[in-house]
Protein backbone atom coordinates (compact mmCIF):
# COMPACT_ATOMS: atom_id res chain seq x y z
CA UNK A 1 29.25 -25.99 -7.81
CA UNK A 2 29.85 -26.21 -11.55
CA UNK A 3 26.24 -27.17 -12.13
CA UNK A 4 24.96 -24.17 -10.19
CA UNK A 5 27.32 -21.90 -12.12
CA UNK A 6 26.17 -23.40 -15.42
CA UNK A 7 22.50 -22.93 -14.45
CA UNK A 8 23.13 -19.33 -13.47
CA UNK A 9 24.86 -18.60 -16.77
CA UNK A 10 22.13 -20.36 -18.76
CA UNK A 11 19.33 -18.55 -16.88
CA UNK A 12 21.10 -15.23 -17.29
CA UNK A 13 21.43 -15.81 -21.03
CA UNK A 14 17.77 -16.76 -21.35
CA UNK A 15 16.65 -13.78 -19.27
CA UNK A 16 18.78 -11.51 -21.40
CA UNK A 17 16.95 -12.78 -24.48
CA UNK A 18 19.94 -14.66 -25.87
CA UNK A 19 19.24 -18.31 -26.62
CA UNK A 20 21.82 -20.56 -25.02
CA UNK A 21 22.21 -22.66 -28.17
CA UNK A 22 23.14 -19.59 -30.16
CA UNK A 23 26.35 -19.34 -28.15
CA UNK A 24 27.67 -22.60 -29.63
CA UNK A 25 29.82 -22.05 -32.67
CA UNK A 26 28.76 -23.89 -35.79
CA UNK A 27 27.85 -27.54 -35.27
CA UNK A 28 25.87 -29.21 -32.53
CA UNK A 29 27.92 -31.39 -30.21
CA UNK A 30 26.97 -34.88 -29.13
CA UNK A 31 26.41 -35.42 -25.41
CA UNK A 32 29.47 -36.80 -23.61
CA UNK A 33 29.69 -40.56 -23.21
CA UNK A 34 30.45 -41.31 -19.56
CA UNK A 35 30.17 -44.28 -17.24
CA UNK A 36 27.54 -44.18 -14.55
CA UNK A 37 28.68 -42.49 -11.31
CA UNK A 38 28.36 -45.76 -9.36
CA UNK A 39 30.77 -47.67 -11.64
CA UNK A 40 33.55 -49.54 -9.86
CA UNK A 41 37.01 -48.07 -10.53
CA UNK A 42 39.68 -50.34 -11.97
CA UNK A 43 43.09 -50.50 -10.29
CA UNK A 44 46.33 -52.10 -11.48
CA UNK A 45 47.31 -54.07 -8.33
CA UNK A 46 45.42 -56.64 -6.24
CA UNK A 47 46.31 -57.12 -2.57
CA UNK A 48 45.55 -60.60 -1.22
CA UNK A 49 46.18 -62.24 2.14
CA UNK A 50 47.38 -65.85 2.18
CA UNK A 51 47.25 -68.05 5.30
CA UNK A 52 49.37 -71.22 5.32
CA UNK A 53 47.39 -73.53 7.59
CA UNK A 54 50.34 -75.87 8.16
CA UNK A 55 52.50 -73.30 9.99
CA UNK A 56 49.94 -70.50 10.64
CA UNK A 57 52.03 -68.04 8.61
CA UNK A 58 50.14 -65.08 7.09
CA UNK A 59 51.51 -63.22 4.09
CA UNK A 60 50.02 -60.14 2.41
CA UNK A 61 50.93 -60.00 -1.29
CA UNK A 62 50.57 -57.13 -3.74
CA UNK A 63 50.22 -58.65 -7.20
CA UNK A 64 50.12 -56.47 -10.35
CA UNK A 65 47.29 -57.29 -12.77
CA UNK A 66 48.32 -59.82 -15.43
CA UNK A 67 51.30 -61.21 -13.51
CA UNK A 68 51.66 -64.31 -11.37
CA UNK A 69 52.87 -64.25 -7.77
CA UNK A 70 54.28 -67.40 -6.15
CA UNK A 71 53.83 -68.16 -2.46
CA UNK A 72 55.32 -71.52 -1.52
CA UNK A 73 53.41 -73.92 -3.81
CA UNK A 74 50.58 -71.48 -4.61
CA UNK A 75 50.31 -69.45 -7.85
CA UNK A 76 48.16 -66.29 -7.71
CA UNK A 77 47.22 -64.52 -10.96
CA UNK A 78 44.81 -61.55 -10.85
CA UNK A 79 43.16 -60.54 -14.13
CA UNK A 80 41.12 -57.57 -12.88
CA UNK A 81 40.86 -55.55 -9.69
CA UNK A 82 37.94 -53.22 -9.06
CA UNK A 83 37.18 -50.90 -6.17
CA UNK A 84 33.87 -49.30 -5.31
CA UNK A 85 33.54 -45.56 -5.84
CA UNK A 86 33.63 -43.30 -2.77
CA UNK A 87 29.87 -42.71 -3.04
CA UNK A 88 29.15 -46.36 -2.07
CA UNK A 89 30.18 -48.50 0.91
CA UNK A 90 33.84 -49.58 0.65
CA UNK A 91 34.56 -52.85 -1.12
CA UNK A 92 37.04 -54.33 -3.57
CA UNK A 93 36.80 -57.27 -5.95
CA UNK A 94 39.40 -59.17 -7.94
CA UNK A 95 39.16 -61.84 -10.61
CA UNK A 96 41.74 -64.36 -9.41
CA UNK A 97 43.17 -67.58 -10.79
CA UNK A 98 44.66 -69.66 -7.95
CA UNK A 99 46.46 -72.98 -8.30
CA UNK A 100 48.05 -75.11 -5.62
CA UNK A 101 51.01 -77.02 -7.14
CA UNK A 102 50.78 -79.85 -4.59
CA UNK A 103 49.62 -83.18 -6.04
CA UNK A 104 45.81 -82.99 -6.30
CA UNK A 105 46.04 -79.33 -5.26
CA UNK A 106 43.00 -77.13 -5.36
CA UNK A 107 42.32 -74.61 -8.11
CA UNK A 108 40.08 -71.56 -8.20
CA UNK A 109 39.10 -69.07 -10.87
CA UNK A 110 36.55 -66.37 -10.16
CA UNK A 111 35.70 -63.19 -8.27
CA UNK A 112 36.73 -62.64 -4.67
CA UNK A 113 35.22 -59.73 -2.75
CA UNK A 114 36.85 -58.11 0.24
CA UNK A 115 33.56 -57.34 2.04
CA UNK A 116 32.00 -60.75 1.23
CA UNK A 117 34.73 -63.40 1.52
CA UNK A 118 32.20 -66.26 1.56
CA UNK A 119 31.13 -65.56 -2.04
CA UNK A 120 34.43 -66.69 -3.58
CA UNK A 121 36.19 -69.42 -1.60
CA UNK A 122 39.44 -71.17 -2.49
CA UNK A 123 38.77 -74.67 -1.12
CA UNK A 124 42.25 -75.82 -0.21
CA UNK A 125 43.30 -77.86 2.85
CA UNK A 126 46.64 -76.00 2.91
CA UNK A 127 45.95 -72.33 2.03
CA UNK A 128 43.32 -69.76 2.78
CA UNK A 129 43.28 -66.82 0.34
CA UNK A 130 41.31 -63.61 0.95
CA UNK A 131 40.94 -60.45 -1.09
CA UNK A 132 42.08 -57.38 0.88
CA UNK A 133 41.95 -54.34 -1.42
CA UNK A 134 42.92 -52.85 -4.77
CA UNK A 135 45.67 -50.30 -5.05
CA UNK A 136 47.88 -48.59 -7.58
CA UNK A 137 46.95 -46.33 -10.45
CA UNK A 138 43.46 -46.04 -11.91
CA UNK A 139 42.65 -48.10 -14.99
CA UNK A 140 39.53 -48.54 -17.08
CA UNK A 141 36.81 -50.52 -15.28
CA UNK A 142 36.72 -52.84 -18.34
CA UNK A 143 33.02 -52.54 -18.88
CA UNK A 144 31.42 -53.01 -22.26
CA UNK A 145 32.27 -50.16 -24.62
CA UNK A 146 30.23 -47.05 -24.20
CA UNK A 147 27.52 -46.46 -26.81
CA UNK A 148 28.38 -43.95 -29.49
CA UNK A 149 26.44 -40.77 -28.75
CA UNK A 150 24.32 -39.43 -31.57
CA UNK A 151 24.70 -35.76 -32.35
CA UNK A 152 21.39 -33.91 -32.20
CA UNK A 153 19.96 -32.85 -35.53
CA UNK A 154 20.71 -29.26 -36.38
CA UNK A 155 17.68 -27.07 -37.05
CA UNK A 156 17.19 -26.14 -40.72
CA UNK A 157 18.71 -22.90 -41.90
CA UNK A 158 16.36 -19.91 -41.87
CA UNK A 159 16.07 -19.77 -45.69
CA UNK A 160 15.30 -23.46 -46.32
CA UNK A 161 12.12 -24.20 -44.38
CA UNK A 162 10.56 -26.18 -47.23
CA UNK A 163 11.48 -29.66 -48.33
CA UNK A 164 13.14 -30.07 -51.74
CA UNK A 165 10.79 -30.91 -54.60
CA UNK A 166 10.93 -34.49 -55.88
CA UNK A 167 12.66 -35.10 -59.18
CA UNK A 168 10.83 -36.39 -62.25
CA UNK A 169 12.20 -39.97 -61.97
CA UNK A 170 10.15 -41.82 -59.33
CA UNK A 171 10.32 -45.29 -60.83
CA UNK A 172 13.09 -46.46 -58.49
CA UNK A 173 11.33 -45.38 -55.30
CA UNK A 174 7.74 -46.11 -56.30
CA UNK A 175 6.07 -49.43 -55.78
CA UNK A 176 3.36 -48.87 -58.41
CA UNK A 177 2.69 -51.99 -60.41
CA UNK A 178 4.19 -54.31 -57.84
CA UNK A 179 1.83 -57.22 -57.19
CA UNK A 180 2.96 -57.66 -53.55
CA UNK A 181 2.38 -54.11 -52.31
CA UNK A 182 -1.04 -52.48 -52.67
CA UNK A 183 -1.18 -48.94 -54.05
CA UNK A 184 -3.52 -47.66 -51.36
CA UNK A 185 -4.50 -48.70 -47.88
CA UNK A 186 -8.13 -49.79 -47.77
CA UNK A 187 -10.51 -47.53 -45.83
CA UNK A 188 -12.51 -50.47 -44.44
CA UNK A 189 -11.47 -51.76 -41.02
CA UNK A 190 -11.52 -55.44 -40.17
CA UNK A 191 -14.63 -56.66 -38.43
CA UNK A 192 -15.40 -59.81 -36.61
CA UNK A 193 -13.43 -61.83 -34.17
CA UNK A 194 -13.37 -61.63 -30.41
CA UNK A 195 -11.33 -58.91 -28.76
């Protein structure tokens, strides 16, 4: 909707003989730096399901990012929780650190996906841990920093179409007399060899 409105305004300005860029006041603006539309959205709470195989008890835990939840002898610490955008099929992923406090207990550190539980498996004889979803408020997806956009070069002012004349001192920028750099490029092309 906004795009169609923008196109209509831009076309109307061009048809009216008014350049669209002339409507901007003063300096040219850099394009906005945005994440791609298919970027996973960060959330501040991971929801995991824990099955205790000894008594068949299932517990669903909501664990805020950066904190540790304790379930019996199991410690669950999520570092990140990401959810797919609505434009893609639903899924959630969490970076989890799991540690069973039993002697010789299993440990796990890595990604668990809700839609693909076989990709990140906590190999414990006592507990089964599965990622369920992400919830809470939106946070940054924690991707690499966005590149700094470069502002487009402004066209020269109407009165200064010519380049400024060089000053009389060219010794600092000239390479004349330097034995390593030739003064002119030879006109003769290389010959010979197999191409």
